[in-house]
Each structure stands twice: as C-alpha cells, then as structure tokens.
Amino acid sequence: TDIINSVKGRFTISRDNGKKMVYLQMNSLQSEDTGVYYCNRAPIL
C-alpha cells in the first residue's frame, strides 16, 4: 500500500481479489476529509 501523509495512520486500504472489492477504512475522520470518494486504477487511471 501507499497512503498519503495527511491520512496515514488513520486510513487503511484493503482488497479482496476473490470478491473483486476494494475497501477504505477511515478512522479519526476530520473535516478536511470531506469530499466525494472514488475508486479507480492507480496510478494509471
């Protein structure tokens, strides 16, 4: 995984290849985390 510094230690990304699912566990949420969240391939969209 790679996590940006502003959320490191608070967010955890995981995946389930069998279910074809990607998850983002978000803890200790702050107002600056507000936004619309999307998933896509990375780094090439």
ModelCIF file with pLDDT and N, C-alpha, C, O atoms, coordinates in Angstrom:
data_MODEL
#
_entry.id   MODEL 
#
_entity.id                         1 
_entity.type                       polymer 
_entity.pdbx_number_of_molecules   1 
#
_entity_poly.entity_id                      1 
_entity_poly.type                           'polypeptide(L)' 
_entity_poly.nstd_linkage                   no 
_entity_poly.nstd_monomer                   no 
_entity_poly.pdbx_seq_one_letter_code       TDIINSVKGRFTISRDNGKKMVYLQMNSLQSEDTGVYYCNRAPIL 
_entity_poly.pdbx_seq_one_letter_code_can   TDIINSVKGRFTISRDNGKKMVYLQMNSLQSEDTGVYYCNRAPIL 
_entity_poly.pdbx_strand_id                 A 
#
loop_
_entity_poly_seq.entity_id 
_entity_poly_seq.num 
_entity_poly_seq.mon_id 
_entity_poly_seq.hetero 
1 1  THR n 
1 2  ASP n 
1 3  ILE n 
1 4  ILE n 
1 5  ASN n 
1 6  SER n 
1 7  VAL n 
1 8  LYS n 
1 9  GLY n 
1 10 ARG n 
1 11 PHE n 
1 12 THR n 
1 13 ILE n 
1 14 SER n 
1 15 ARG n 
1 16 ASP n 
1 17 ASN n 
1 18 GLY n 
1 19 LYS n 
1 20 LYS n 
1 21 MET n 
1 22 VAL n 
1 23 TYR n 
1 24 LEU n 
1 25 GLN n 
1 26 MET n 
1 27 ASN n 
1 28 SER n 
1 29 LEU n 
1 30 GLN n 
1 31 SER n 
1 32 GLU n 
1 33 ASP n 
1 34 THR n 
1 35 GLY n 
1 36 VAL n 
1 37 TYR n 
1 38 TYR n 
1 39 CYS n 
1 40 ASN n 
1 41 ARG n 
1 42 ALA n 
1 43 PRO n 
1 44 ILE n 
1 45 LEU n 
#
_struct_asym.id          A 
_struct_asym.entity_id   1 
#
loop_
_ma_qa_metric.id 
_ma_qa_metric.mode 
_ma_qa_metric.name 
_ma_qa_metric.software_group_id 
_ma_qa_metric.type 
1 global pLDDT . pLDDT 
2 local  pLDDT . pLDDT 
#
_ma_qa_metric_global.metric_id      1 
_ma_qa_metric_global.metric_value   95.47 
_ma_qa_metric_global.model_id       1 
_ma_qa_metric_global.ordinal_id     1 
#
loop_
_ma_qa_metric_local.label_asym_id 
_ma_qa_metric_local.label_comp_id 
_ma_qa_metric_local.label_seq_id 
_ma_qa_metric_local.metric_id 
_ma_qa_metric_local.metric_value 
_ma_qa_metric_local.model_id 
_ma_qa_metric_local.ordinal_id 
A THR 1  2 97.00 1 1  
A ASP 2  2 97.00 1 2  
A ILE 3  2 98.00 1 3  
A ILE 4  2 97.00 1 4  
A ASN 5  2 97.00 1 5  
A SER 6  2 96.00 1 6  
A VAL 7  2 97.00 1 7  
A LYS 8  2 97.00 1 8  
A GLY 9  2 97.00 1 9  
A ARG 10 2 98.00 1 10 
A PHE 11 2 98.00 1 11 
A THR 12 2 98.00 1 12 
A ILE 13 2 98.00 1 13 
A SER 14 2 97.00 1 14 
A ARG 15 2 94.00 1 15 
A ASP 16 2 92.00 1 16 
A ASN 17 2 88.00 1 17 
A GLY 18 2 87.00 1 18 
A LYS 19 2 91.00 1 19 
A LYS 20 2 90.00 1 20 
A MET 21 2 93.00 1 21 
A VAL 22 2 96.00 1 22 
A TYR 23 2 98.00 1 23 
A LEU 24 2 98.00 1 24 
A GLN 25 2 98.00 1 25 
A MET 26 2 98.00 1 26 
A ASN 27 2 98.00 1 27 
A SER 28 2 98.00 1 28 
A LEU 29 2 98.00 1 29 
A GLN 30 2 97.00 1 30 
A SER 31 2 97.00 1 31 
A GLU 32 2 95.00 1 32 
A ASP 33 2 97.00 1 33 
A THR 34 2 97.00 1 34 
A GLY 35 2 98.00 1 35 
A VAL 36 2 98.00 1 36 
A TYR 37 2 98.00 1 37 
A TYR 38 2 98.00 1 38 
A CYS 39 2 96.00 1 39 
A ASN 40 2 95.00 1 40 
A ARG 41 2 93.00 1 41 
A ALA 42 2 93.00 1 42 
A PRO 43 2 90.00 1 43 
A ILE 44 2 87.00 1 44 
A LEU 45 2 88.00 1 45 
#
loop_
_atom_site.group_PDB 
_atom_site.id 
_atom_site.type_symbol 
_atom_site.label_atom_id 
_atom_site.label_alt_id 
_atom_site.label_comp_id 
_atom_site.label_asym_id 
_atom_site.label_entity_id 
_atom_site.label_seq_id 
_atom_site.pdbx_PDB_ins_code 
_atom_site.Cartn_x 
_atom_site.Cartn_y 
_atom_site.Cartn_z 
_atom_site.occupancy 
_atom_site.B_iso_or_equiv 
_atom_site.pdbx_formal_charge 
_atom_site.auth_seq_id 
_atom_site.auth_comp_id 
_atom_site.auth_asym_id 
_atom_site.auth_atom_id 
_atom_site.pdbx_PDB_model_num 
ATOM 1   N N  . THR A 1 1  ? 0.816   -1.212  0.000   1.00 97.00 ? 1  THR A N  1 
ATOM 2   C CA . THR A 1 1  ? 0.000   0.000   0.000   1.00 97.00 ? 1  THR A CA 1 
ATOM 3   C C  . THR A 1 1  ? 0.846   1.256   0.000   1.00 97.00 ? 1  THR A C  1 
ATOM 4   O O  . THR A 1 1  ? 1.992   1.263   0.448   1.00 97.00 ? 1  THR A O  1 
ATOM 5   N N  . ASP A 1 2  ? 0.248   2.320   -0.515  1.00 97.00 ? 2  ASP A N  1 
ATOM 6   C CA . ASP A 1 2  ? 0.782   3.664   -0.405  1.00 97.00 ? 2  ASP A CA 1 
ATOM 7   C C  . ASP A 1 2  ? -0.330  4.555   0.097   1.00 97.00 ? 2  ASP A C  1 
ATOM 8   O O  . ASP A 1 2  ? -1.438  4.547   -0.438  1.00 97.00 ? 2  ASP A O  1 
ATOM 9   N N  . ILE A 1 3  ? -0.026  5.330   1.139   1.00 98.00 ? 3  ILE A N  1 
ATOM 10  C CA . ILE A 1 3  ? -1.005  6.187   1.783   1.00 98.00 ? 3  ILE A CA 1 
ATOM 11  C C  . ILE A 1 3  ? -0.431  7.592   1.845   1.00 98.00 ? 3  ILE A C  1 
ATOM 12  O O  . ILE A 1 3  ? 0.735   7.767   2.201   1.00 98.00 ? 3  ILE A O  1 
ATOM 13  N N  . ILE A 1 4  ? -1.230  8.596   1.506   1.00 97.00 ? 4  ILE A N  1 
ATOM 14  C CA . ILE A 1 4  ? -0.729  9.963   1.592   1.00 97.00 ? 4  ILE A CA 1 
ATOM 15  C C  . ILE A 1 4  ? -0.560  10.360  3.050   1.00 97.00 ? 4  ILE A C  1 
ATOM 16  O O  . ILE A 1 4  ? -1.237  9.839   3.937   1.00 97.00 ? 4  ILE A O  1 
ATOM 17  N N  . ASN A 1 5  ? 0.348   11.286  3.276   1.00 97.00 ? 5  ASN A N  1 
ATOM 18  C CA . ASN A 1 5  ? 0.715   11.635  4.640   1.00 97.00 ? 5  ASN A CA 1 
ATOM 19  C C  . ASN A 1 5  ? -0.456  12.171  5.465   1.00 97.00 ? 5  ASN A C  1 
ATOM 20  O O  . ASN A 1 5  ? -0.528  11.925  6.669   1.00 97.00 ? 5  ASN A O  1 
ATOM 21  N N  . SER A 1 6  ? -1.363  12.894  4.830   1.00 96.00 ? 6  SER A N  1 
ATOM 22  C CA . SER A 1 6  ? -2.441  13.520  5.578   1.00 96.00 ? 6  SER A CA 1 
ATOM 23  C C  . SER A 1 6  ? -3.423  12.522  6.183   1.00 96.00 ? 6  SER A C  1 
ATOM 24  O O  . SER A 1 6  ? -4.152  12.863  7.114   1.00 96.00 ? 6  SER A O  1 
ATOM 25  N N  . VAL A 1 7  ? -3.451  11.306  5.671   1.00 97.00 ? 7  VAL A N  1 
ATOM 26  C CA . VAL A 1 7  ? -4.354  10.299  6.208   1.00 97.00 ? 7  VAL A CA 1 
ATOM 27  C C  . VAL A 1 7  ? -3.618  9.092   6.772   1.00 97.00 ? 7  VAL A C  1 
ATOM 28  O O  . VAL A 1 7  ? -4.246  8.170   7.292   1.00 97.00 ? 7  VAL A O  1 
ATOM 29  N N  . LYS A 1 8  ? -2.316  9.092   6.674   1.00 97.00 ? 8  LYS A N  1 
ATOM 30  C CA . LYS A 1 8  ? -1.529  7.960   7.160   1.00 97.00 ? 8  LYS A CA 1 
ATOM 31  C C  . LYS A 1 8  ? -1.761  7.763   8.655   1.00 97.00 ? 8  LYS A C  1 
ATOM 32  O O  . LYS A 1 8  ? -1.744  8.715   9.434   1.00 97.00 ? 8  LYS A O  1 
ATOM 33  N N  . GLY A 1 9  ? -1.974  6.526   9.028   1.00 97.00 ? 9  GLY A N  1 
ATOM 34  C CA . GLY A 1 9  ? -2.274  6.207   10.408  1.00 97.00 ? 9  GLY A CA 1 
ATOM 35  C C  . GLY A 1 9  ? -3.740  6.252   10.743  1.00 97.00 ? 9  GLY A C  1 
ATOM 36  O O  . GLY A 1 9  ? -4.147  5.777   11.804  1.00 97.00 ? 9  GLY A O  1 
ATOM 37  N N  . ARG A 1 10 ? -4.549  6.817   9.858   1.00 98.00 ? 10 ARG A N  1 
ATOM 38  C CA . ARG A 1 10 ? -5.995  6.900   10.065  1.00 98.00 ? 10 ARG A CA 1 
ATOM 39  C C  . ARG A 1 10 ? -6.782  6.062   9.057   1.00 98.00 ? 10 ARG A C  1 
ATOM 40  O O  . ARG A 1 10 ? -7.824  5.497   9.391   1.00 98.00 ? 10 ARG A O  1 
ATOM 41  N N  . PHE A 1 11 ? -6.287  5.985   7.839   1.00 98.00 ? 11 PHE A N  1 
ATOM 42  C CA . PHE A 1 11 ? -6.976  5.250   6.776   1.00 98.00 ? 11 PHE A CA 1 
ATOM 43  C C  . PHE A 1 11 ? -6.223  3.970   6.469   1.00 98.00 ? 11 PHE A C  1 
ATOM 44  O O  . PHE A 1 11 ? -4.994  3.931   6.526   1.00 98.00 ? 11 PHE A O  1 
ATOM 45  N N  . THR A 1 12 ? -6.963  2.930   6.145   1.00 98.00 ? 12 THR A N  1 
ATOM 46  C CA . THR A 1 12 ? -6.392  1.667   5.726   1.00 98.00 ? 12 THR A CA 1 
ATOM 47  C C  . THR A 1 12 ? -7.096  1.193   4.464   1.00 98.00 ? 12 THR A C  1 
ATOM 48  O O  . THR A 1 12 ? -8.323  1.102   4.426   1.00 98.00 ? 12 THR A O  1 
ATOM 49  N N  . ILE A 1 13 ? -6.320  0.895   3.438   1.00 98.00 ? 13 ILE A N  1 
ATOM 50  C CA . ILE A 1 13 ? -6.877  0.364   2.203   1.00 98.00 ? 13 ILE A CA 1 
ATOM 51  C C  . ILE A 1 13 ? -6.645  -1.143  2.173   1.00 98.00 ? 13 ILE A C  1 
ATOM 52  O O  . ILE A 1 13 ? -5.595  -1.628  2.595   1.00 98.00 ? 13 ILE A O  1 
ATOM 53  N N  . SER A 1 14 ? -7.624  -1.868  1.676   1.00 97.00 ? 14 SER A N  1 
ATOM 54  C CA . SER A 1 14 ? -7.515  -3.311  1.567   1.00 97.00 ? 14 SER A CA 1 
ATOM 55  C C  . SER A 1 14 ? -8.267  -3.777  0.329   1.00 97.00 ? 14 SER A C  1 
ATOM 56  O O  . SER A 1 14 ? -9.006  -3.009  -0.287  1.00 97.00 ? 14 SER A O  1 
ATOM 57  N N  . ARG A 1 15 ? -8.073  -5.029  -0.024  1.00 94.00 ? 15 ARG A N  1 
ATOM 58  C CA . ARG A 1 15 ? -8.755  -5.562  -1.196  1.00 94.00 ? 15 ARG A CA 1 
ATOM 59  C C  . ARG A 1 15 ? -9.078  -7.030  -0.986  1.00 94.00 ? 15 ARG A C  1 
ATOM 60  O O  . ARG A 1 15 ? -8.411  -7.729  -0.223  1.00 94.00 ? 15 ARG A O  1 
ATOM 61  N N  . ASP A 1 16 ? -10.100 -7.478  -1.670  1.00 92.00 ? 16 ASP A N  1 
ATOM 62  C CA . ASP A 1 16 ? -10.492 -8.869  -1.698  1.00 92.00 ? 16 ASP A CA 1 
ATOM 63  C C  . ASP A 1 16 ? -10.563 -9.262  -3.165  1.00 92.00 ? 16 ASP A C  1 
ATOM 64  O O  . ASP A 1 16 ? -11.532 -8.954  -3.858  1.00 92.00 ? 16 ASP A O  1 
ATOM 65  N N  . ASN A 1 17 ? -9.528  -9.944  -3.626  1.00 88.00 ? 17 ASN A N  1 
ATOM 66  C CA . ASN A 1 17 ? -9.455  -10.261 -5.043  1.00 88.00 ? 17 ASN A CA 1 
ATOM 67  C C  . ASN A 1 17 ? -10.541 -11.244 -5.470  1.00 88.00 ? 17 ASN A C  1 
ATOM 68  O O  . ASN A 1 17 ? -11.018 -11.193 -6.604  1.00 88.00 ? 17 ASN A O  1 
ATOM 69  N N  . GLY A 1 18 ? -10.929 -12.134 -4.565  1.00 87.00 ? 18 GLY A N  1 
ATOM 70  C CA . GLY A 1 18 ? -11.980 -13.083 -4.885  1.00 87.00 ? 18 GLY A CA 1 
ATOM 71  C C  . GLY A 1 18 ? -13.323 -12.419 -5.105  1.00 87.00 ? 18 GLY A C  1 
ATOM 72  O O  . GLY A 1 18 ? -14.079 -12.802 -5.998  1.00 87.00 ? 18 GLY A O  1 
ATOM 73  N N  . LYS A 1 19 ? -13.620 -11.409 -4.276  1.00 91.00 ? 19 LYS A N  1 
ATOM 74  C CA . LYS A 1 19 ? -14.873 -10.676 -4.397  1.00 91.00 ? 19 LYS A CA 1 
ATOM 75  C C  . LYS A 1 19 ? -14.768 -9.487  -5.346  1.00 91.00 ? 19 LYS A C  1 
ATOM 76  O O  . LYS A 1 19 ? -15.773 -8.844  -5.647  1.00 91.00 ? 19 LYS A O  1 
ATOM 77  N N  . LYS A 1 20 ? -13.560 -9.193  -5.816  1.00 90.00 ? 20 LYS A N  1 
ATOM 78  C CA . LYS A 1 20 ? -13.314 -8.025  -6.653  1.00 90.00 ? 20 LYS A CA 1 
ATOM 79  C C  . LYS A 1 20 ? -13.807 -6.764  -5.956  1.00 90.00 ? 20 LYS A C  1 
ATOM 80  O O  . LYS A 1 20 ? -14.584 -5.985  -6.508  1.00 90.00 ? 20 LYS A O  1 
ATOM 81  N N  . MET A 1 21 ? -13.337 -6.589  -4.733  1.00 93.00 ? 21 MET A N  1 
ATOM 82  C CA . MET A 1 21 ? -13.716 -5.450  -3.920  1.00 93.00 ? 21 MET A CA 1 
ATOM 83  C C  . MET A 1 21 ? -12.465 -4.750  -3.396  1.00 93.00 ? 21 MET A C  1 
ATOM 84  O O  . MET A 1 21 ? -11.441 -5.383  -3.142  1.00 93.00 ? 21 MET A O  1 
ATOM 85  N N  . VAL A 1 22 ? -12.569 -3.449  -3.244  1.00 96.00 ? 22 VAL A N  1 
ATOM 86  C CA . VAL A 1 22 ? -11.551 -2.627  -2.612  1.00 96.00 ? 22 VAL A CA 1 
ATOM 87  C C  . VAL A 1 22 ? -12.223 -1.837  -1.502  1.00 96.00 ? 22 VAL A C  1 
ATOM 88  O O  . VAL A 1 22 ? -13.325 -1.319  -1.679  1.00 96.00 ? 22 VAL A O  1 
ATOM 89  N N  . TYR A 1 23 ? -11.558 -1.746  -0.363  1.00 98.00 ? 23 TYR A N  1 
ATOM 90  C CA . TYR A 1 23 ? -12.138 -1.091  0.802   1.00 98.00 ? 23 TYR A CA 1 
ATOM 91  C C  . TYR A 1 23 ? -11.233 0.023   1.293   1.00 98.00 ? 23 TYR A C  1 
ATOM 92  O O  . TYR A 1 23 ? -10.018 -0.012  1.100   1.00 98.00 ? 23 TYR A O  1 
ATOM 93  N N  . LEU A 1 24 ? -11.836 1.000   1.922   1.00 98.00 ? 24 LEU A N  1 
ATOM 94  C CA . LEU A 1 24 ? -11.105 2.054   2.600   1.00 98.00 ? 24 LEU A CA 1 
ATOM 95  C C  . LEU A 1 24 ? -11.700 2.231   3.981   1.00 98.00 ? 24 LEU A C  1 
ATOM 96  O O  . LEU A 1 24 ? -12.805 2.753   4.127   1.00 98.00 ? 24 LEU A O  1 
ATOM 97  N N  . GLN A 1 25 ? -10.972 1.801   4.989   1.00 98.00 ? 25 GLN A N  1 
ATOM 98  C CA . GLN A 1 25 ? -11.376 2.002   6.376   1.00 98.00 ? 25 GLN A CA 1 
ATOM 99  C C  . GLN A 1 25 ? -10.852 3.357   6.826   1.00 98.00 ? 25 GLN A C  1 
ATOM 100 O O  . GLN A 1 25 ? -9.647  3.609   6.809   1.00 98.00 ? 25 GLN A O  1 
ATOM 101 N N  . MET A 1 26 ? -11.766 4.216   7.226   1.00 98.00 ? 26 MET A N  1 
ATOM 102 C CA . MET A 1 26 ? -11.446 5.592   7.567   1.00 98.00 ? 26 MET A CA 1 
ATOM 103 C C  . MET A 1 26 ? -11.753 5.813   9.041   1.00 98.00 ? 26 MET A C  1 
ATOM 104 O O  . MET A 1 26 ? -12.911 5.754   9.456   1.00 98.00 ? 26 MET A O  1 
ATOM 105 N N  . ASN A 1 27 ? -10.724 6.065   9.821   1.00 98.00 ? 27 ASN A N  1 
ATOM 106 C CA . ASN A 1 27 ? -10.863 6.313   11.245  1.00 98.00 ? 27 ASN A CA 1 
ATOM 107 C C  . ASN A 1 27 ? -10.424 7.727   11.576  1.00 98.00 ? 27 ASN A C  1 
ATOM 108 O O  . ASN A 1 27 ? -9.723  8.377   10.800  1.00 98.00 ? 27 ASN A O  1 
ATOM 109 N N  . SER A 1 28 ? -10.846 8.188   12.733  1.00 98.00 ? 28 SER A N  1 
ATOM 110 C CA . SER A 1 28 ? -10.482 9.525   13.215  1.00 98.00 ? 28 SER A CA 1 
ATOM 111 C C  . SER A 1 28 ? -10.722 10.579  12.147  1.00 98.00 ? 28 SER A C  1 
ATOM 112 O O  . SER A 1 28 ? -9.857  11.411  11.873  1.00 98.00 ? 28 SER A O  1 
ATOM 113 N N  . LEU A 1 29 ? -11.888 10.535  11.558  1.00 98.00 ? 29 LEU A N  1 
ATOM 114 C CA . LEU A 1 29 ? -12.200 11.429  10.453  1.00 98.00 ? 29 LEU A CA 1 
ATOM 115 C C  . LEU A 1 29 ? -12.201 12.886  10.893  1.00 98.00 ? 29 LEU A C  1 
ATOM 116 O O  . LEU A 1 29 ? -12.632 13.219  11.997  1.00 98.00 ? 29 LEU A O  1 
ATOM 117 N N  . GLN A 1 30 ? -11.718 13.732  10.021  1.00 97.00 ? 30 GLN A N  1 
ATOM 118 C CA . GLN A 1 30 ? -11.614 15.160  10.246  1.00 97.00 ? 30 GLN A CA 1 
ATOM 119 C C  . GLN A 1 30 ? -12.384 15.899  9.165   1.00 97.00 ? 30 GLN A C  1 
ATOM 120 O O  . GLN A 1 30 ? -12.686 15.338  8.112   1.00 97.00 ? 30 GLN A O  1 
ATOM 121 N N  . SER A 1 31 ? -12.700 17.159  9.431   1.00 97.00 ? 31 SER A N  1 
ATOM 122 C CA . SER A 1 31 ? -13.477 17.932  8.475   1.00 97.00 ? 31 SER A CA 1 
ATOM 123 C C  . SER A 1 31 ? -12.786 18.017  7.120   1.00 97.00 ? 31 SER A C  1 
ATOM 124 O O  . SER A 1 31 ? -13.455 18.047  6.087   1.00 97.00 ? 31 SER A O  1 
ATOM 125 N N  . GLU A 1 32 ? -11.469 18.057  7.110   1.00 95.00 ? 32 GLU A N  1 
ATOM 126 C CA . GLU A 1 32 ? -10.745 18.139  5.852   1.00 95.00 ? 32 GLU A CA 1 
ATOM 127 C C  . GLU A 1 32 ? -10.805 16.857  5.038   1.00 95.00 ? 32 GLU A C  1 
ATOM 128 O O  . GLU A 1 32 ? -10.359 16.835  3.891   1.00 95.00 ? 32 GLU A O  1 
ATOM 129 N N  . ASP A 1 33 ? -11.347 15.794  5.608   1.00 97.00 ? 33 ASP A N  1 
ATOM 130 C CA . ASP A 1 33 ? -11.553 14.563  4.861   1.00 97.00 ? 33 ASP A CA 1 
ATOM 131 C C  . ASP A 1 33 ? -12.835 14.593  4.048   1.00 97.00 ? 33 ASP A C  1 
ATOM 132 O O  . ASP A 1 33 ? -13.093 13.675  3.270   1.00 97.00 ? 33 ASP A O  1 
ATOM 133 N N  . THR A 1 34 ? -13.631 15.621  4.213   1.00 97.00 ? 34 THR A N  1 
ATOM 134 C CA . THR A 1 34 ? -14.887 15.734  3.492   1.00 97.00 ? 34 THR A CA 1 
ATOM 135 C C  . THR A 1 34 ? -14.645 15.788  1.984   1.00 97.00 ? 34 THR A C  1 
ATOM 136 O O  . THR A 1 34 ? -13.752 16.494  1.517   1.00 97.00 ? 34 THR A O  1 
ATOM 137 N N  . GLY A 1 35 ? -15.430 15.051  1.243   1.00 98.00 ? 35 GLY A N  1 
ATOM 138 C CA . GLY A 1 35 ? -15.327 15.054  -0.197  1.00 98.00 ? 35 GLY A CA 1 
ATOM 139 C C  . GLY A 1 35 ? -16.048 13.868  -0.788  1.00 98.00 ? 35 GLY A C  1 
ATOM 140 O O  . GLY A 1 35 ? -16.625 13.047  -0.075  1.00 98.00 ? 35 GLY A O  1 
ATOM 141 N N  . VAL A 1 36 ? -16.004 13.792  -2.097  1.00 98.00 ? 36 VAL A N  1 
ATOM 142 C CA . VAL A 1 36 ? -16.539 12.641  -2.806  1.00 98.00 ? 36 VAL A CA 1 
ATOM 143 C C  . VAL A 1 36 ? -15.393 11.681  -3.063  1.00 98.00 ? 36 VAL A C  1 
ATOM 144 O O  . VAL A 1 36 ? -14.360 12.065  -3.611  1.00 98.00 ? 36 VAL A O  1 
ATOM 145 N N  . TYR A 1 37 ? -15.575 10.451  -2.672  1.00 98.00 ? 37 TYR A N  1 
ATOM 146 C CA . TYR A 1 37 ? -14.537 9.434   -2.782  1.00 98.00 ? 37 TYR A CA 1 
ATOM 147 C C  . TYR A 1 37 ? -14.843 8.499   -3.937  1.00 98.00 ? 37 TYR A C  1 
ATOM 148 O O  . TYR A 1 37 ? -15.969 8.029   -4.101  1.00 98.00 ? 37 TYR A O  1 
ATOM 149 N N  . TYR A 1 38 ? -13.824 8.244   -4.729  1.00 98.00 ? 38 TYR A N  1 
ATOM 150 C CA . TYR A 1 38 ? -13.938 7.407   -5.913  1.00 98.00 ? 38 TYR A CA 1 
ATOM 151 C C  . TYR A 1 38 ? -12.866 6.326   -5.874  1.00 98.00 ? 38 TYR A C  1 
ATOM 152 O O  . TYR A 1 38 ? -11.819 6.496   -5.248  1.00 98.00 ? 38 TYR A O  1 
ATOM 153 N N  . CYS A 1 39 ? -13.137 5.225   -6.542  1.00 96.00 ? 39 CYS A N  1 
ATOM 154 C CA . CYS A 1 39 ? -12.090 4.247   -6.770  1.00 96.00 ? 39 CYS A CA 1 
ATOM 155 C C  . CYS A 1 39 ? -11.791 4.151   -8.256  1.00 96.00 ? 39 CYS A C  1 
ATOM 156 O O  . CYS A 1 39 ? -12.649 4.411   -9.100  1.00 96.00 ? 39 CYS A O  1 
ATOM 157 N N  . ASN A 1 40 ? -10.566 3.776   -8.554  1.00 95.00 ? 40 ASN A N  1 
ATOM 158 C CA . ASN A 1 40 ? -10.111 3.630   -9.916  1.00 95.00 ? 40 ASN A CA 1 
ATOM 159 C C  . ASN A 1 40 ? -8.766  2.908   -9.861  1.00 95.00 ? 40 ASN A C  1 
ATOM 160 O O  . ASN A 1 40 ? -8.233  2.662   -8.779  1.00 95.00 ? 40 ASN A O  1 
ATOM 161 N N  . ARG A 1 41 ? -8.237  2.579   -11.000 1.00 93.00 ? 41 ARG A N  1 
ATOM 162 C CA . ARG A 1 41 ? -6.880  2.062   -11.046 1.00 93.00 ? 41 ARG A CA 1 
ATOM 163 C C  . ARG A 1 41 ? -5.894  3.155   -10.669 1.00 93.00 ? 41 ARG A C  1 
ATOM 164 O O  . ARG A 1 41 ? -6.175  4.345   -10.810 1.00 93.00 ? 41 ARG A O  1 
ATOM 165 N N  . ALA A 1 42 ? -4.749  2.734   -10.195 1.00 93.00 ? 42 ALA A N  1 
ATOM 166 C CA . ALA A 1 42 ? -3.688  3.647   -9.821  1.00 93.00 ? 42 ALA A CA 1 
ATOM 167 C C  . ALA A 1 42 ? -2.346  3.036   -10.190 1.00 93.00 ? 42 ALA A C  1 
ATOM 168 O O  . ALA A 1 42 ? -2.173  1.820   -10.105 1.00 93.00 ? 42 ALA A O  1 
ATOM 169 N N  . PRO A 1 43 ? -1.405  3.861   -10.597 1.00 90.00 ? 43 PRO A N  1 
ATOM 170 C CA . PRO A 1 43 ? -1.506  5.299   -10.837 1.00 90.00 ? 43 PRO A CA 1 
ATOM 171 C C  . PRO A 1 43 ? -2.069  5.681   -12.191 1.00 90.00 ? 43 PRO A C  1 
ATOM 172 O O  . PRO A 1 43 ? -2.373  6.849   -12.431 1.00 90.00 ? 43 PRO A O  1 
ATOM 173 N N  . ILE A 1 44 ? -2.211  4.707   -13.080 1.00 87.00 ? 44 ILE A N  1 
ATOM 174 C CA . ILE A 1 44 ? -2.768  4.989   -14.388 1.00 87.00 ? 44 ILE A CA 1 
ATOM 175 C C  . ILE A 1 44 ? -4.274  4.770   -14.330 1.00 87.00 ? 44 ILE A C  1 
ATOM 176 O O  . ILE A 1 44 ? -4.738  3.653   -14.105 1.00 87.00 ? 44 ILE A O  1 
ATOM 177 N N  . LEU A 1 45 ? -5.026  5.832   -14.532 1.00 88.00 ? 45 LEU A N  1 
ATOM 178 C CA . LEU A 1 45 ? -6.466  5.791   -14.413 1.00 88.00 ? 45 LEU A CA 1 
ATOM 179 C C  . LEU A 1 45 ? -7.138  5.176   -15.628 1.00 88.00 ? 45 LEU A C  1 
ATOM 180 O O  . LEU A 1 45 ? -8.364  5.074   -15.671 1.00 88.00 ? 45 LEU A O  1 
#
